[in-house]
Amino acid sequence: FRDMIDTMNNGGKIAILGIAPTGFEIDWNKVIFKMLHLKGIYGREMFETWYKMIALVQGPLDVSGLITHRIGIDDFQVGFDAMRSGSSGKVVMDW
């Protein structure tokens, strides 16, 4: 995370996705003086992201490698354990 803050351009936007396995420090002086926008995920922004996601999935970029776990609803604890371990990518729950 520190490397990302250091290499961001002024006015850059960072989406913080997932749950960190442990806490981490943020140098707020760099965030403030670089005028960075940090955003955590707090809910679906359907109209802002839906069309972007369609373009991403239908485009030439193969994003399937980002999904490291697919679980059923009954195995939700397996998914949380994978995220907590810090070694997972995207965990998808199939309903």
PDB file of N, CA and C in Angstrom:
ATOM      1  N   PHE A   1       0.828  -1.189   0.000  1.00  0.00           N
ATOM      2  CA  PHE A   1       0.000   0.000   0.000  1.00  0.00           C
ATOM      3  C   PHE A   1       0.869   1.249   0.000  1.00  0.00           C
ATOM      4  N   ARG A   2       1.946   1.210   0.772  1.00  0.00           N
ATOM      5  CA  ARG A   2       2.842   2.379   0.820  1.00  0.00           C
ATOM      6  C   ARG A   2       3.449   2.667  -0.548  1.00  0.00           C
ATOM      7  N   ASP A   3       3.844   1.606  -1.269  1.00  0.00           N
ATOM      8  CA  ASP A   3       4.403   1.794  -2.612  1.00  0.00           C
ATOM      9  C   ASP A   3       3.375   2.422  -3.539  1.00  0.00           C
ATOM     10  N   MET A   4       2.127   2.017  -3.402  1.00  0.00           N
ATOM     11  CA  MET A   4       1.076   2.576  -4.247  1.00  0.00           C
ATOM     12  C   MET A   4       0.908   4.069  -3.963  1.00  0.00           C
ATOM     13  N   ILE A   5       0.871   4.447  -2.698  1.00  0.00           N
ATOM     14  CA  ILE A   5       0.757   5.859  -2.328  1.00  0.00           C
ATOM     15  C   ILE A   5       1.936   6.643  -2.900  1.00  0.00           C
ATOM     16  N   ASP A   6       3.137   6.093  -2.776  1.00  0.00           N
ATOM     17  CA  ASP A   6       4.344   6.780  -3.247  1.00  0.00           C
ATOM     18  C   ASP A   6       4.339   6.999  -4.754  1.00  0.00           C
ATOM     19  N   THR A   7       3.789   6.063  -5.520  1.00  0.00           N
ATOM     20  CA  THR A   7       3.857   6.148  -6.981  1.00  0.00           C
ATOM     21  C   THR A   7       2.619   6.766  -7.621  1.00  0.00           C
ATOM     22  N   MET A   8       1.609   7.095  -6.833  1.00  0.00           N
ATOM     23  CA  MET A   8       0.398   7.693  -7.400  1.00  0.00           C
ATOM     24  C   MET A   8       0.679   9.109  -7.900  1.00  0.00           C
ATOM     25  N   ASN A   9       0.008   9.476  -8.984  1.00  0.00           N
ATOM     26  CA  ASN A   9       0.068  10.848  -9.477  1.00  0.00           C
ATOM     27  C   ASN A   9      -0.805  11.736  -8.605  1.00  0.00           C
ATOM     28  N   ASN A  10      -0.526  13.026  -8.611  1.00  0.00           N
ATOM     29  CA  ASN A  10      -1.368  13.969  -7.877  1.00  0.00           C
ATOM     30  C   ASN A  10      -2.807  13.851  -8.362  1.00  0.00           C
ATOM     31  N   GLY A  11      -3.726  13.830  -7.413  1.00  0.00           N
ATOM     32  CA  GLY A  11      -5.140  13.732  -7.757  1.00  0.00           C
ATOM     33  C   GLY A  11      -5.594  12.323  -8.094  1.00  0.00           C
ATOM     34  N   GLY A  12      -4.726  11.326  -7.896  1.00  0.00           N
ATOM     35  CA  GLY A  12      -5.073   9.945  -8.230  1.00  0.00           C
ATOM     36  C   GLY A  12      -6.167   9.386  -7.334  1.00  0.00           C
ATOM     37  N   LYS A  13      -6.807   8.343  -7.823  1.00  0.00           N
ATOM     38  CA  LYS A  13      -7.897   7.699  -7.080  1.00  0.00           C
ATOM     39  C   LYS A  13      -7.503   6.264  -6.748  1.00  0.00           C
ATOM     40  N   ILE A  14      -7.735   5.879  -5.516  1.00  0.00           N
ATOM     41  CA  ILE A  14      -7.414   4.531  -5.051  1.00  0.00           C
ATOM     42  C   ILE A  14      -8.684   3.901  -4.498  1.00  0.00           C
ATOM     43  N   ALA A  15      -9.046   2.740  -5.017  1.00  0.00           N
ATOM     44  CA  ALA A  15     -10.162   1.966  -4.469  1.00  0.00           C
ATOM     45  C   ALA A  15      -9.578   0.893  -3.568  1.00  0.00           C
ATOM     46  N   ILE A  16      -9.984   0.897  -2.331  1.00  0.00           N
ATOM     47  CA  ILE A  16      -9.484  -0.079  -1.367  1.00  0.00           C
ATOM     48  C   ILE A  16     -10.489  -1.218  -1.320  1.00  0.00           C
ATOM     49  N   LEU A  17     -10.083  -2.357  -1.873  1.00  0.00           N
ATOM     50  CA  LEU A  17     -10.972  -3.504  -1.990  1.00  0.00           C
ATOM     51  C   LEU A  17     -10.521  -4.615  -1.061  1.00  0.00           C
ATOM     52  N   GLY A  18     -11.446  -5.366  -0.541  1.00  0.00           N
ATOM     53  CA  GLY A  18     -11.104  -6.508   0.293  1.00  0.00           C
ATOM     54  C   GLY A  18     -10.820  -6.101   1.727  1.00  0.00           C
ATOM     55  N   ILE A  19     -10.364  -7.065   2.470  1.00  0.00           N
ATOM     56  CA  ILE A  19     -10.099  -6.872   3.889  1.00  0.00           C
ATOM     57  C   ILE A  19      -8.645  -7.250   4.146  1.00  0.00           C
ATOM     58  N   ALA A  20      -7.888  -6.313   4.696  1.00  0.00           N
ATOM     59  CA  ALA A  20      -6.476  -6.584   4.990  1.00  0.00           C
ATOM     60  C   ALA A  20      -6.377  -7.586   6.136  1.00  0.00           C
ATOM     61  N   PRO A  21      -5.424  -8.526   6.064  1.00  0.00           N
ATOM     62  CA  PRO A  21      -5.295  -9.514   7.140  1.00  0.00           C
ATOM     63  C   PRO A  21      -4.851  -8.891   8.461  1.00  0.00           C
ATOM     64  N   THR A  22      -4.136  -7.774   8.380  1.00  0.00           N
ATOM     65  CA  THR A  22      -3.729  -7.026   9.574  1.00  0.00           C
ATOM     66  C   THR A  22      -3.852  -5.550   9.249  1.00  0.00           C
ATOM     67  N   GLY A  23      -3.804  -4.730  10.267  1.00  0.00           N
ATOM     68  CA  GLY A  23      -3.860  -3.292  10.039  1.00  0.00           C
ATOM     69  C   GLY A  23      -2.604  -2.791   9.347  1.00  0.00           C
ATOM     70  N   PHE A  24      -2.671  -1.595   8.779  1.00  0.00           N
ATOM     71  CA  PHE A  24      -1.495  -1.004   8.158  1.00  0.00           C
ATOM     72  C   PHE A  24      -1.552   0.499   8.349  1.00  0.00           C
ATOM     73  N   GLU A  25      -0.386   1.109   8.359  1.00  0.00           N
ATOM     74  CA  GLU A  25      -0.290   2.547   8.569  1.00  0.00           C
ATOM     75  C   GLU A  25      -0.401   3.280   7.243  1.00  0.00           C
ATOM     76  N   ILE A  26      -0.958   4.477   7.305  1.00  0.00           N
ATOM     77  CA  ILE A  26      -1.083   5.334   6.127  1.00  0.00           C
ATOM     78  C   ILE A  26      -0.386   6.654   6.443  1.00  0.00           C
ATOM     79  N   ASP A  27       0.488   7.094   5.552  1.00  0.00           N
ATOM     80  CA  ASP A  27       1.137   8.396   5.699  1.00  0.00           C
ATOM     81  C   ASP A  27       0.167   9.451   5.164  1.00  0.00           C
ATOM     82  N   TRP A  28      -0.614  10.030   6.062  1.00  0.00           N
ATOM     83  CA  TRP A  28      -1.658  10.966   5.652  1.00  0.00           C
ATOM     84  C   TRP A  28      -1.084  12.231   5.018  1.00  0.00           C
ATOM     85  N   ASN A  29       0.152  12.607   5.342  1.00  0.00           N
ATOM     86  CA  ASN A  29       0.761  13.769   4.691  1.00  0.00           C
ATOM     87  C   ASN A  29       0.865  13.543   3.188  1.00  0.00           C
ATOM     88  N   LYS A  30       1.269  12.331   2.780  1.00  0.00           N
ATOM     89  CA  LYS A  30       1.370  12.032   1.347  1.00  0.00           C
ATOM     90  C   LYS A  30      -0.006  12.034   0.694  1.00  0.00           C
ATOM     91  N   VAL A  31      -0.984  11.469   1.374  1.00  0.00           N
ATOM     92  CA  VAL A  31      -2.346  11.442   0.828  1.00  0.00           C
ATOM     93  C   VAL A  31      -2.861  12.864   0.636  1.00  0.00           C
ATOM     94  N   ILE A  32      -2.656  13.704   1.631  1.00  0.00           N
ATOM     95  CA  ILE A  32      -3.170  15.075   1.580  1.00  0.00           C
ATOM     96  C   ILE A  32      -2.431  15.907   0.540  1.00  0.00           C
ATOM     97  N   PHE A  33      -1.095  15.895   0.570  1.00  0.00           N
ATOM     98  CA  PHE A  33      -0.341  16.755  -0.331  1.00  0.00           C
ATOM     99  C   PHE A  33      -0.377  16.284  -1.781  1.00  0.00           C
ATOM    100  N   LYS A  34      -0.650  15.003  -2.013  1.00  0.00           N
ATOM    101  CA  LYS A  34      -0.832  14.505  -3.382  1.00  0.00           C
ATOM    102  C   LYS A  34      -2.291  14.610  -3.828  1.00  0.00           C
ATOM    103  N   MET A  35      -3.146  15.066  -2.919  1.00  0.00           N
ATOM    104  CA  MET A  35      -4.579  15.238  -3.213  1.00  0.00           C
ATOM    105  C   MET A  35      -5.206  13.925  -3.687  1.00  0.00           C
ATOM    106  N   LEU A  36      -4.854  12.833  -3.018  1.00  0.00           N
ATOM    107  CA  LEU A  36      -5.348  11.518  -3.417  1.00  0.00           C
ATOM    108  C   LEU A  36      -6.771  11.300  -2.914  1.00  0.00           C
ATOM    109  N   HIS A  37      -7.513  10.518  -3.662  1.00  0.00           N
ATOM    110  CA  HIS A  37      -8.875  10.143  -3.289  1.00  0.00           C
ATOM    111  C   HIS A  37      -8.852   8.667  -2.902  1.00  0.00           C
ATOM    112  N   LEU A  38      -9.111   8.369  -1.633  1.00  0.00           N
ATOM    113  CA  LEU A  38      -9.187   6.989  -1.172  1.00  0.00           C
ATOM    114  C   LEU A  38     -10.657   6.641  -0.994  1.00  0.00           C
ATOM    115  N   LYS A  39     -11.029   5.479  -1.493  1.00  0.00           N
ATOM    116  CA  LYS A  39     -12.430   5.092  -1.378  1.00  0.00           C
ATOM    117  C   LYS A  39     -12.519   3.623  -1.013  1.00  0.00           C
ATOM    118  N   GLY A  40     -13.211   3.348   0.057  1.00  0.00           N
ATOM    119  CA  GLY A  40     -13.517   1.974   0.430  1.00  0.00           C
ATOM    120  C   GLY A  40     -14.841   1.574  -0.204  1.00  0.00           C
ATOM    121  N   ILE A  41     -15.087   0.312  -0.259  1.00  0.00           N
ATOM    122  CA  ILE A  41     -16.332  -0.174  -0.837  1.00  0.00           C
ATOM    123  C   ILE A  41     -17.388  -0.207   0.256  1.00  0.00           C
ATOM    124  N   TYR A  42     -18.468   0.503   0.042  1.00  0.00           N
ATOM    125  CA  TYR A  42     -19.519   0.581   1.051  1.00  0.00           C
ATOM    126  C   TYR A  42     -20.867   0.159   0.499  1.00  0.00           C
ATOM    127  N   GLY A  43     -20.892  -0.352  -0.690  1.00  0.00           N
ATOM    128  CA  GLY A  43     -22.142  -0.801  -1.287  1.00  0.00           C
ATOM    129  C   GLY A  43     -22.051  -0.731  -2.791  1.00  0.00           C
ATOM    130  N   ARG A  44     -23.006  -1.338  -3.430  1.00  0.00           N
ATOM    131  CA  ARG A  44     -22.990  -1.341  -4.892  1.00  0.00           C
ATOM    132  C   ARG A  44     -23.373   0.022  -5.430  1.00  0.00           C
ATOM    133  N   GLU A  45     -22.629   0.480  -6.377  1.00  0.00           N
ATOM    134  CA  GLU A  45     -22.966   1.702  -7.100  1.00  0.00           C
ATOM    135  C   GLU A  45     -23.346   1.263  -8.503  1.00  0.00           C
ATOM    136  N   MET A  46     -24.520   0.691  -8.595  1.00  0.00           N
ATOM    137  CA  MET A  46     -24.977  -0.019  -9.778  1.00  0.00           C
ATOM    138  C   MET A  46     -24.704   0.739 -11.075  1.00  0.00           C
ATOM    139  N   PHE A  47     -25.163   1.960 -11.151  1.00  0.00           N
ATOM    140  CA  PHE A  47     -25.082   2.661 -12.430  1.00  0.00           C
ATOM    141  C   PHE A  47     -23.681   3.174 -12.726  1.00  0.00           C
ATOM    142  N   GLU A  48     -22.887   3.379 -11.703  1.00  0.00           N
ATOM    143  CA  GLU A  48     -21.518   3.855 -11.922  1.00  0.00           C
ATOM    144  C   GLU A  48     -20.607   2.730 -12.395  1.00  0.00           C
ATOM    145  N   THR A  49     -20.839   1.522 -11.910  1.00  0.00           N
ATOM    146  CA  THR A  49     -19.900   0.436 -12.183  1.00  0.00           C
ATOM    147  C   THR A  49     -20.406  -0.630 -13.146  1.00  0.00           C
ATOM    148  N   TRP A  50     -21.696  -0.737 -13.330  1.00  0.00           N
ATOM    149  CA  TRP A  50     -22.252  -1.841 -14.116  1.00  0.00           C
ATOM    150  C   TRP A  50     -21.691  -1.871 -15.538  1.00  0.00           C
ATOM    151  N   TYR A  51     -21.753  -0.751 -16.238  1.00  0.00           N
ATOM    152  CA  TYR A  51     -21.300  -0.720 -17.632  1.00  0.00           C
ATOM    153  C   TYR A  51     -19.786  -0.865 -17.732  1.00  0.00           C
ATOM    154  N   LYS A  52     -19.063  -0.326 -16.767  1.00  0.00           N
ATOM    155  CA  LYS A  52     -17.608  -0.505 -16.758  1.00  0.00           C
ATOM    156  C   LYS A  52     -17.252  -1.981 -16.591  1.00  0.00           C
ATOM    157  N   MET A  53     -17.984  -2.671 -15.745  1.00  0.00           N
ATOM    158  CA  MET A  53     -17.704  -4.082 -15.517  1.00  0.00           C
ATOM    159  C   MET A  53     -18.035  -4.913 -16.751  1.00  0.00           C
ATOM    160  N   ILE A  54     -19.124  -4.603 -17.424  1.00  0.00           N
ATOM    161  CA  ILE A  54     -19.468  -5.315 -18.661  1.00  0.00           C
ATOM    162  C   ILE A  54     -18.346  -5.143 -19.682  1.00  0.00           C
ATOM    163  N   ALA A  55     -17.862  -3.912 -19.846  1.00  0.00           N
ATOM    164  CA  ALA A  55     -16.780  -3.650 -20.802  1.00  0.00           C
ATOM    165  C   ALA A  55     -15.512  -4.400 -20.406  1.00  0.00           C
ATOM    166  N   LEU A  56     -15.226  -4.465 -19.121  1.00  0.00           N
ATOM    167  CA  LEU A  56     -14.034  -5.164 -18.649  1.00  0.00           C
ATOM    168  C   LEU A  56     -14.129  -6.659 -18.924  1.00  0.00           C
ATOM    169  N   VAL A  57     -15.280  -7.247 -18.628  1.00  0.00           N
ATOM    170  CA  VAL A  57     -15.459  -8.691 -18.810  1.00  0.00           C
ATOM    171  C   VAL A  57     -15.482  -9.063 -20.290  1.00  0.00           C
ATOM    172  N   GLN A  58     -16.075  -8.211 -21.122  1.00  0.00           N
ATOM    173  CA  GLN A  58     -16.170  -8.511 -22.549  1.00  0.00           C
ATOM    174  C   GLN A  58     -14.927  -8.096 -23.326  1.00  0.00           C
ATOM    175  N   GLY A  59     -14.036  -7.371 -22.692  1.00  0.00           N
ATOM    176  CA  GLY A  59     -12.839  -6.884 -23.370  1.00  0.00           C
ATOM    177  C   GLY A  59     -11.769  -7.956 -23.485  1.00  0.00           C
ATOM    178  N   PRO A  60     -10.616  -7.563 -24.006  1.00  0.00           N
ATOM    179  CA  PRO A  60      -9.540  -8.522 -24.250  1.00  0.00           C
ATOM    180  C   PRO A  60      -8.797  -8.961 -22.981  1.00  0.00           C
ATOM    181  N   LEU A  61      -8.990  -8.256 -21.888  1.00  0.00           N
ATOM    182  CA  LEU A  61      -8.279  -8.568 -20.655  1.00  0.00           C
ATOM    183  C   LEU A  61      -8.918  -9.773 -19.960  1.00  0.00           C
ATOM    184  N   ASP A  62      -8.131 -10.792 -19.660  1.00  0.00           N
ATOM    185  CA  ASP A  62      -8.627 -11.984 -18.969  1.00  0.00           C
ATOM    186  C   ASP A  62      -8.549 -11.748 -17.466  1.00  0.00           C
ATOM    187  N   VAL A  63      -9.702 -11.549 -16.831  1.00  0.00           N
ATOM    188  CA  VAL A  63      -9.742 -11.279 -15.395  1.00  0.00           C
ATOM    189  C   VAL A  63     -10.075 -12.528 -14.573  1.00  0.00           C
ATOM    190  N   SER A  64     -10.197 -13.665 -15.222  1.00  0.00           N
ATOM    191  CA  SER A  64     -10.597 -14.884 -14.510  1.00  0.00           C
ATOM    192  C   SER A  64      -9.576 -15.297 -13.449  1.00  0.00           C
ATOM    193  N   GLY A  65      -8.319 -14.950 -13.636  1.00  0.00           N
ATOM    194  CA  GLY A  65      -7.293 -15.306 -12.664  1.00  0.00           C
ATOM    195  C   GLY A  65      -7.425 -14.573 -11.337  1.00  0.00           C
ATOM    196  N   LEU A  66      -8.219 -13.512 -11.306  1.00  0.00           N
ATOM    197  CA  LEU A  66      -8.416 -12.780 -10.058  1.00  0.00           C
ATOM    198  C   LEU A  66      -9.258 -13.567  -9.065  1.00  0.00           C
ATOM    199  N   ILE A  67     -10.120 -14.445  -9.584  1.00  0.00           N
ATOM    200  CA  ILE A  67     -10.982 -15.258  -8.723  1.00  0.00           C
ATOM    201  C   ILE A  67     -10.187 -16.481  -8.272  1.00  0.00           C
ATOM    202  N   THR A  68      -9.934 -16.555  -6.974  1.00  0.00           N
ATOM    203  CA  THR A  68      -9.156 -17.676  -6.441  1.00  0.00           C
ATOM    204  C   THR A  68     -10.030 -18.713  -5.749  1.00  0.00           C
ATOM    205  N   HIS A  69     -11.239 -18.330  -5.362  1.00  0.00           N
ATOM    206  CA  HIS A  69     -12.126 -19.245  -4.646  1.00  0.00           C
ATOM    207  C   HIS A  69     -13.565 -19.043  -5.121  1.00  0.00           C
ATOM    208  N   ARG A  70     -14.259 -20.144  -5.356  1.00  0.00           N
ATOM    209  CA  ARG A  70     -15.706 -20.126  -5.608  1.00  0.00           C
ATOM    210  C   ARG A  70     -16.327 -21.046  -4.573  1.00  0.00           C
ATOM    211  N   ILE A  71     -17.281 -20.522  -3.827  1.00  0.00           N
ATOM    212  CA  ILE A  71     -17.878 -21.309  -2.752  1.00  0.00           C
ATOM    213  C   ILE A  71     -19.396 -21.236  -2.835  1.00  0.00           C
ATOM    214  N   GLY A  72     -20.043 -22.218  -2.258  1.00  0.00           N
ATOM    215  CA  GLY A  72     -21.491 -22.200  -2.122  1.00  0.00           C
ATOM    216  C   GLY A  72     -21.879 -21.480  -0.841  1.00  0.00           C
ATOM    217  N   ILE A  73     -23.145 -21.155  -0.720  1.00  0.00           N
ATOM    218  CA  ILE A  73     -23.630 -20.410   0.446  1.00  0.00           C
ATOM    219  C   ILE A  73     -23.351 -21.152   1.751  1.00  0.00           C
ATOM    220  N   ASP A  74     -23.431 -22.469   1.719  1.00  0.00           N
ATOM    221  CA  ASP A  74     -23.204 -23.249   2.941  1.00  0.00           C
ATOM    222  C   ASP A  74     -21.742 -23.251   3.378  1.00  0.00           C
ATOM    223  N   ASP A  75     -20.844 -22.875   2.481  1.00  0.00           N
ATOM    224  CA  ASP A  75     -19.409 -22.852   2.791  1.00  0.00           C
ATOM    225  C   ASP A  75     -18.895 -21.435   3.044  1.00  0.00           C
ATOM    226  N   PHE A  76     -19.783 -20.552   3.510  1.00  0.00           N
ATOM    227  CA  PHE A  76     -19.389 -19.154   3.687  1.00  0.00           C
ATOM    228  C   PHE A  76     -18.168 -19.010   4.597  1.00  0.00           C
ATOM    229  N   GLN A  77     -18.052 -19.857   5.610  1.00  0.00           N
ATOM    230  CA  GLN A  77     -16.921 -19.739   6.533  1.00  0.00           C
ATOM    231  C   GLN A  77     -15.596 -20.014   5.825  1.00  0.00           C
ATOM    232  N   VAL A  78     -15.611 -20.929   4.859  1.00  0.00           N
ATOM    233  CA  VAL A  78     -14.408 -21.211   4.064  1.00  0.00           C
ATOM    234  C   VAL A  78     -13.971 -19.939   3.336  1.00  0.00           C
ATOM    235  N   GLY A  79     -14.939 -19.202   2.794  1.00  0.00           N
ATOM    236  CA  GLY A  79     -14.634 -17.955   2.102  1.00  0.00           C
ATOM    237  C   GLY A  79     -14.049 -16.905   3.026  1.00  0.00           C
ATOM    238  N   PHE A  80     -14.646 -16.745   4.211  1.00  0.00           N
ATOM    239  CA  PHE A  80     -14.119 -15.777   5.171  1.00  0.00           C
ATOM    240  C   PHE A  80     -12.723 -16.172   5.640  1.00  0.00           C
ATOM    241  N   ASP A  81     -12.504 -17.459   5.851  1.00  0.00           N
ATOM    242  CA  ASP A  81     -11.175 -17.924   6.259  1.00  0.00           C
ATOM    243  C   ASP A  81     -10.137 -17.650   5.169  1.00  0.00           C
ATOM    244  N   ALA A  82     -10.528 -17.840   3.913  1.00  0.00           N
ATOM    245  CA  ALA A  82      -9.611 -17.569   2.796  1.00  0.00           C
ATOM    246  C   ALA A  82      -9.250 -16.089   2.751  1.00  0.00           C
ATOM    247  N   MET A  83     -10.255 -15.215   2.916  1.00  0.00           N
ATOM    248  CA  MET A  83      -9.983 -13.773   2.909  1.00  0.00           C
ATOM    249  C   MET A  83      -9.109 -13.382   4.092  1.00  0.00           C
ATOM    250  N   ARG A  84      -9.417 -13.915   5.248  1.00  0.00           N
ATOM    251  CA  ARG A  84      -8.670 -13.579   6.457  1.00  0.00           C
ATOM    252  C   ARG A  84      -7.214 -14.027   6.364  1.00  0.00           C
ATOM    253  N   SER A  85      -6.950 -15.088   5.623  1.00  0.00           N
ATOM    254  CA  SER A  85      -5.583 -15.609   5.511  1.00  0.00           C
ATOM    255  C   SER A  85      -4.652 -14.644   4.787  1.00  0.00           C
ATOM    256  N   GLY A  86      -5.225 -13.767   3.972  1.00  0.00           N
ATOM    257  CA  GLY A  86      -4.412 -12.820   3.217  1.00  0.00           C
ATOM    258  C   GLY A  86      -3.812 -13.394   1.954  1.00  0.00           C
ATOM    259  N   SER A  87      -4.151 -14.628   1.624  1.00  0.00           N
ATOM    260  CA  SER A  87      -3.561 -15.260   0.442  1.00  0.00           C
ATOM    261  C   SER A  87      -4.573 -15.470  -0.680  1.00  0.00           C
ATOM    262  N   SER A  88      -5.759 -14.914  -0.528  1.00  0.00           N
ATOM    263  CA  SER A  88      -6.779 -15.106  -1.565  1.00  0.00           C
ATOM    264  C   SER A  88      -6.853 -13.892  -2.478  1.00  0.00           C
ATOM    265  N   GLY A  89      -7.432 -14.115  -3.635  1.00  0.00           N
ATOM    266  CA  GLY A  89      -7.806 -13.019  -4.515  1.00  0.00           C
ATOM    267  C   GLY A  89      -9.280 -12.750  -4.263  1.00  0.00           C
ATOM    268  N   LYS A  90     -10.057 -12.733  -5.327  1.00  0.00           N
ATOM    269  CA  LYS A  90     -11.498 -12.523  -5.208  1.00  0.00           C
ATOM    270  C   LYS A  90     -12.163 -13.833  -4.798  1.00  0.00           C
ATOM    271  N   VAL A  91     -12.996 -13.765  -3.770  1.00  0.00           N
ATOM    272  CA  VAL A  91     -13.771 -14.922  -3.325  1.00  0.00           C
ATOM    273  C   VAL A  91     -15.213 -14.694  -3.771  1.00  0.00           C
ATOM    274  N   VAL A  92     -15.724 -15.596  -4.586  1.00  0.00           N
ATOM    275  CA  VAL A  92     -17.075 -15.462  -5.135  1.00  0.00           C
ATOM    276  C   VAL A  92     -17.978 -16.497  -4.482  1.00  0.00           C
ATOM    277  N   MET A  93     -19.123 -16.023  -3.989  1.00  0.00           N
ATOM    278  CA  MET A  93     -20.102 -16.928  -3.400  1.00  0.00           C
ATOM    279  C   MET A  93     -21.227 -17.139  -4.403  1.00  0.00           C
ATOM    280  N   ASP A  94     -21.405 -18.391  -4.814  1.00  0.00           N
ATOM    281  CA  ASP A  94     -22.490 -18.742  -5.730  1.00  0.00           C
ATOM    282  C   ASP A  94     -23.726 -19.067  -4.910  1.00  0.00           C
ATOM    283  N   TRP A  95     -24.828 -18.361  -5.171  1.00  0.00           N
ATOM    284  CA  TRP A  95     -26.069 -18.577  -4.423  1.00  0.00           C
ATOM    285  C   TRP A  95     -26.883 -19.632  -5.096  1.00  0.00           C
TER     286      TRP A  95
END
